[in-house]
Structures are given as structure tokens and as C-alpha cells.
């Protein structure tokens, strides 16, 4: 249980609500609502400043509901992050099964779109990655987010190289670092980029960036065999 969860409300009197086990029809709505509210709180506050009591109050429910669905605050945090991260990883897994060079463009576009639609995601990751207050949270973010993406994209490069689409002298691991750098930097450092260019950093910008990054990669890493085939 979180330390903050032991705090009493209403001048020392704990409010008691008679909320029983939710019905199946309301189950997913309550769970989703809790994740949405928690995500917003984690986006605007340090992890240690967000208690299950605060999440429950913002969601107009009780900490018991959080325990019912997520066990504790850490479980809620991971679920709130996974709802945005997992759909992207699932698509990467499909690409790995039958990789094509065109999928590299789709990864750029998918990553930029996900970050644009969920602008707080990078704030949460950056805040927890630069803090040493919660090493367990930091480790989980790395293992379930960047590490999973890295493994899947590297597998794609290895398979594309084995097919003869990518130059054999290139290191798939370094290629993966390069690609993730091109994905992460324009989103994580958007405020900086806005200070450097007069171009509007909007959906159209990211769409063009995805295409240009893809063109850059295709022209530099693919083989003559690949170009002959297309």
C-alpha cells in the first residue's frame, strides 16, 4: 500500500462508500476510467506525489476499486502506460513475422502518430527515466517499452538483411539505435525543435518527417537486389 494512501480525509474521518463488486457490463468502463484518470495525474505529477487515494478521488471512486482491478498503484501505473504502448508493440510483432522494407516507414508513422495523440506519454517516460527515486518503475519502463521495441525492430533488420534487402556490412543493432533515435528525438525534444525552426510541428510535419526518414534509410541501407525487385 502506498504511504499516501494511509492519509485520512475530512479532518481525520475516513469516508466510507458501500461500493460492491462491479457488474460485468460496467467492469471495463470503470477500469478504463481509472487508467485514464491515473495517466493524467502521472503526466502532471511526480510518481511519488500520486497516491491511489488521489486517483480514486479524481475518478470519483474508492481505493478499493484500484486494488480490485490493479492490486496497487504500481499495477495501475503499468496498466495506464500499457494501453498506449501495447498496440504499437503488437503491430511491430506482426511486422517481425513477415518483415518488409516498407514497414520501416510504417514504424516511423506509427510512432509519431502515437506520440502526437498521447502527448503526455513522453513526459511520463522522461520524468521517470531521469529520476532515481523509483528504480523499479524505471526498470519496468525500459523492459516493457524501449527494450521490447528495440528487440522487435532489430529482429526486423536481421530478417531483412537475411533476405538480401539490407546491405550485409551494416550492423543490425546499430541500425536499430539509429532508427529509434530518429523516432524518439523529434517527439521527446519537440519544445527544442520548435525553438529551432519556423515550421509548425504538427501532424503534417510528422507525416513528412516519417516519409523523409524512410527515404533516407532506404537510399542508404538497402541493396541493389532490393531496388531491382521493386
Protein backbone atom coordinates (compact mmCIF):
# COMPACT_ATOMS: atom_id res chain seq x y z
CA UNK A 1 0.00 0.00 0.00
CA UNK A 2 1.29 3.49 -0.80
CA UNK A 3 2.36 5.69 2.06
CA UNK A 4 0.00 8.43 0.92
CA UNK A 5 -2.91 6.01 0.95
CA UNK A 6 -2.93 5.95 4.76
CA UNK A 7 -3.86 9.64 4.91
CA UNK A 8 -7.38 10.37 6.17
CA UNK A 9 -9.83 12.74 4.54
CA UNK A 10 -12.39 15.13 6.06
CA UNK A 11 -10.32 16.23 9.07
CA UNK A 12 -9.29 12.74 10.09
CA UNK A 13 -12.52 10.95 9.24
CA UNK A 14 -12.29 8.36 6.51
CA UNK A 15 -15.16 8.48 4.07
CA UNK A 16 -16.74 5.06 3.65
CA UNK A 17 -18.63 4.17 0.47
CA UNK A 18 -20.58 0.99 0.05
CA UNK A 19 -19.39 0.01 -3.40
CA UNK A 20 -19.66 -3.68 -4.13
CA UNK A 21 -18.20 -5.82 -6.88
CA UNK A 22 -18.90 -4.12 -10.21
CA UNK A 23 -21.14 -5.82 -12.74
CA UNK A 24 -19.59 -7.28 -15.88
CA UNK A 25 -21.22 -4.60 -18.04
CA UNK A 26 -19.56 -1.78 -16.08
CA UNK A 27 -16.30 -3.60 -15.45
CA UNK A 28 -14.35 -2.41 -18.49
CA UNK A 29 -15.68 1.16 -18.23
CA UNK A 30 -14.57 1.53 -14.62
CA UNK A 31 -11.16 0.03 -15.35
CA UNK A 32 -10.63 2.27 -18.38
CA UNK A 33 -11.75 5.35 -16.48
CA UNK A 34 -9.27 4.64 -13.70
CA UNK A 35 -6.44 4.22 -16.21
CA UNK A 36 -7.35 7.46 -17.99
CA UNK A 37 -7.52 9.47 -14.77
CA UNK A 38 -4.29 7.92 -13.46
CA UNK A 39 -2.46 8.64 -16.72
CA UNK A 40 -3.37 12.33 -16.49
CA UNK A 41 -2.20 12.50 -12.87
CA UNK A 42 1.09 10.73 -13.61
CA UNK A 43 1.60 13.10 -16.55
CA UNK A 44 1.33 16.17 -14.34
CA UNK A 45 2.89 14.99 -11.06
CA UNK A 46 5.86 13.01 -9.83
CA UNK A 47 5.14 9.31 -9.31
CA UNK A 48 5.54 9.63 -5.52
CA UNK A 49 3.04 12.50 -5.44
CA UNK A 50 0.25 10.37 -6.89
CA UNK A 51 -1.48 8.09 -4.40
CA UNK A 52 -4.27 5.63 -5.04
CA UNK A 53 -6.43 7.84 -2.82
CA UNK A 54 -5.82 10.81 -5.14
CA UNK A 55 -6.57 8.72 -8.22
CA UNK A 56 -9.73 7.35 -6.64
CA UNK A 57 -10.92 10.83 -5.66
CA UNK A 58 -10.28 12.18 -9.17
CA UNK A 59 -12.12 9.18 -10.64
CA UNK A 60 -15.00 9.56 -8.15
CA UNK A 61 -14.50 6.10 -6.71
CA UNK A 62 -12.56 4.46 -3.85
CA UNK A 63 -9.04 2.99 -3.47
CA UNK A 64 -10.76 -0.40 -3.12
CA UNK A 65 -11.62 -0.27 -6.82
CA UNK A 66 -7.97 0.28 -7.68
CA UNK A 67 -6.97 -2.69 -5.55
CA UNK A 68 -9.70 -4.77 -7.22
CA UNK A 69 -8.52 -4.03 -10.76
CA UNK A 70 -4.79 -3.34 -10.39
CA UNK A 71 -3.72 -4.52 -6.89
CA UNK A 72 -1.80 -1.31 -6.15
CA UNK A 73 -0.50 1.98 -7.56
CA UNK A 74 2.34 0.33 -9.43
CA UNK A 75 -0.05 -2.04 -11.16
CA UNK A 76 -2.25 0.91 -12.12
CA UNK A 77 0.75 2.84 -13.46
CA UNK A 78 1.84 -0.05 -15.67
CA UNK A 79 -1.69 -0.61 -16.97
CA UNK A 80 -2.11 3.10 -17.73
CA UNK A 81 1.14 3.08 -19.73
CA UNK A 82 0.43 -0.23 -21.46
CA UNK A 83 -2.84 0.98 -23.00
CA UNK A 84 -0.80 3.30 -25.26
CA UNK A 85 2.34 1.21 -25.64
CA UNK A 86 0.95 -2.27 -26.27
CA UNK A 87 -1.00 -1.59 -29.51
CA UNK A 88 2.21 -0.30 -31.11
CA UNK A 89 4.21 -3.33 -29.92
CA UNK A 90 1.53 -5.68 -31.27
CA UNK A 91 1.92 -4.12 -34.72
CA UNK A 92 5.71 -4.44 -34.51
CA UNK A 93 5.27 -8.15 -33.74
CA UNK A 94 3.19 -8.61 -36.89
CA UNK A 95 5.89 -6.86 -38.91
CA UNK A 96 8.57 -9.16 -37.49
CA UNK A 97 6.65 -12.22 -38.69
CA UNK A 98 6.93 -11.13 -42.34
CA UNK A 99 9.13 -8.02 -42.48
CA UNK A 100 9.19 -5.72 -45.49
CA UNK A 101 11.30 -2.61 -46.04
CA UNK A 102 8.08 -0.57 -46.30
CA UNK A 103 7.36 -1.45 -42.68
CA UNK A 104 10.18 0.90 -41.66
CA UNK A 105 8.09 3.81 -42.93
CA UNK A 106 5.08 2.47 -41.07
CA UNK A 107 7.08 2.34 -37.83
CA UNK A 108 8.06 5.98 -38.16
CA UNK A 109 4.47 7.00 -38.93
CA UNK A 110 3.03 4.83 -36.15
CA UNK A 111 5.47 6.13 -33.55
CA UNK A 112 4.91 9.78 -34.44
CA UNK A 113 1.14 9.34 -34.53
CA UNK A 114 1.09 7.61 -31.14
CA UNK A 115 3.18 10.35 -29.55
CA UNK A 116 1.10 13.10 -31.17
CA UNK A 117 -2.17 11.61 -29.96
CA UNK A 118 -0.78 10.97 -26.45
CA UNK A 119 1.44 13.97 -25.84
CA UNK A 120 1.89 13.20 -22.13
CA UNK A 121 3.45 9.80 -22.79
CA UNK A 122 6.96 11.15 -23.34
CA UNK A 123 6.61 13.43 -20.31
CA UNK A 124 5.89 10.46 -18.06
CA UNK A 125 8.71 8.37 -19.52
CA UNK A 126 11.25 11.20 -19.43
CA UNK A 127 10.37 12.17 -15.85
CA UNK A 128 10.73 8.63 -14.53
CA UNK A 129 13.81 7.83 -16.61
CA UNK A 130 15.71 10.84 -15.23
CA UNK A 131 14.71 10.20 -11.63
CA UNK A 132 16.40 7.78 -9.26
CA UNK A 133 13.51 7.81 -6.78
CA UNK A 134 11.78 4.75 -8.22
CA UNK A 135 14.30 2.31 -9.76
CA UNK A 136 11.66 -0.42 -10.03
CA UNK A 137 9.41 1.84 -12.12
CA UNK A 138 12.35 2.91 -14.29
CA UNK A 139 13.39 -0.71 -14.89
CA UNK A 140 9.84 -1.69 -15.85
CA UNK A 141 9.51 1.23 -18.29
CA UNK A 142 12.73 0.15 -20.01
CA UNK A 143 11.85 -3.55 -20.10
CA UNK A 144 8.27 -3.16 -21.32
CA UNK A 145 8.78 -0.17 -23.65
CA UNK A 146 12.10 0.69 -25.33
CA UNK A 147 13.63 -2.73 -24.76
CA UNK A 148 10.70 -4.50 -26.42
CA UNK A 149 10.73 -2.07 -29.36
CA UNK A 150 14.48 -2.48 -29.72
CA UNK A 151 14.30 -6.28 -29.86
CA UNK A 152 11.47 -6.30 -32.39
CA UNK A 153 12.99 -3.71 -34.74
CA UNK A 154 16.39 -5.42 -34.53
CA UNK A 155 14.74 -8.72 -35.48
CA UNK A 156 13.22 -7.00 -38.50
CA UNK A 157 16.59 -5.68 -39.64
CA UNK A 158 18.20 -9.13 -39.20
CA UNK A 159 15.48 -10.79 -41.28
CA UNK A 160 15.59 -8.09 -43.97
CA UNK A 161 19.35 -8.49 -44.12
CA UNK A 162 18.99 -12.27 -44.46
CA UNK A 163 16.55 -11.71 -47.36
CA UNK A 164 19.18 -9.60 -49.11
CA UNK A 165 17.23 -6.34 -48.81
CA UNK A 166 19.74 -4.66 -46.47
CA UNK A 167 23.47 -4.33 -47.06
CA UNK A 168 25.36 -7.19 -45.35
CA UNK A 169 28.09 -4.93 -43.94
CA UNK A 170 25.65 -2.98 -41.76
CA UNK A 171 25.23 -3.87 -38.07
CA UNK A 172 21.51 -4.53 -37.29
CA UNK A 173 21.96 -3.41 -33.69
CA UNK A 174 23.44 -0.05 -34.68
CA UNK A 175 20.73 0.32 -37.34
CA UNK A 176 18.16 -0.16 -34.59
CA UNK A 177 19.79 2.51 -32.44
CA UNK A 178 19.75 4.88 -35.41
CA UNK A 179 16.10 4.22 -36.18
CA UNK A 180 14.93 4.59 -32.59
CA UNK A 181 16.92 7.82 -32.33
CA UNK A 182 15.09 9.15 -35.38
CA UNK A 183 11.80 8.12 -33.78
CA UNK A 184 12.37 9.41 -30.26
CA UNK A 185 14.26 12.68 -30.69
CA UNK A 186 11.61 14.63 -32.69
CA UNK A 187 8.99 13.76 -30.06
CA UNK A 188 10.96 13.88 -26.82
CA UNK A 189 12.60 17.18 -27.76
CA UNK A 190 9.68 18.81 -29.54
CA UNK A 191 9.97 22.03 -27.44
CA UNK A 192 13.59 22.39 -28.55
CA UNK A 193 12.76 21.78 -32.21
CA UNK A 194 10.03 24.42 -32.00
CA UNK A 195 12.71 26.92 -30.98
CA UNK A 196 14.93 25.97 -33.91
CA UNK A 197 12.50 26.07 -36.82
CA UNK A 198 9.68 28.24 -38.09
CA UNK A 199 7.90 25.15 -39.41
CA UNK A 200 4.79 24.19 -37.48
CA UNK A 201 5.44 20.97 -35.53
CA UNK A 202 2.07 19.41 -36.24
CA UNK A 203 0.59 16.27 -37.77
CA UNK A 204 1.63 17.30 -41.28
CA UNK A 205 5.20 17.87 -40.10
CA UNK A 206 5.42 14.39 -38.59
CA UNK A 207 3.88 12.85 -41.70
CA UNK A 208 6.55 14.46 -43.87
CA UNK A 209 9.25 13.55 -41.37
CA UNK A 210 8.20 9.89 -41.45
CA UNK A 211 8.45 9.83 -45.24
CA UNK A 212 11.79 11.65 -45.35
CA UNK A 213 13.34 9.44 -42.67
CA UNK A 214 12.16 6.38 -44.55
CA UNK A 215 13.60 7.71 -47.83
CA UNK A 216 16.89 8.44 -46.07
CA UNK A 217 17.08 4.89 -44.75
CA UNK A 218 16.05 3.20 -47.99
CA UNK A 219 18.65 5.10 -50.00
CA UNK A 220 21.46 4.34 -47.56
CA UNK A 221 20.90 0.81 -46.24
CA UNK A 222 19.15 -1.20 -48.96
CA UNK A 223 20.87 -3.36 -51.58
CA UNK A 224 20.73 -3.26 -55.37
CA UNK A 225 18.83 -6.56 -55.17
CA UNK A 226 16.05 -4.82 -53.23
CA UNK A 227 15.77 -2.00 -55.76
CA UNK A 228 15.72 -4.47 -58.66
CA UNK A 229 12.84 -6.34 -57.02
CA UNK A 230 10.70 -3.23 -56.64
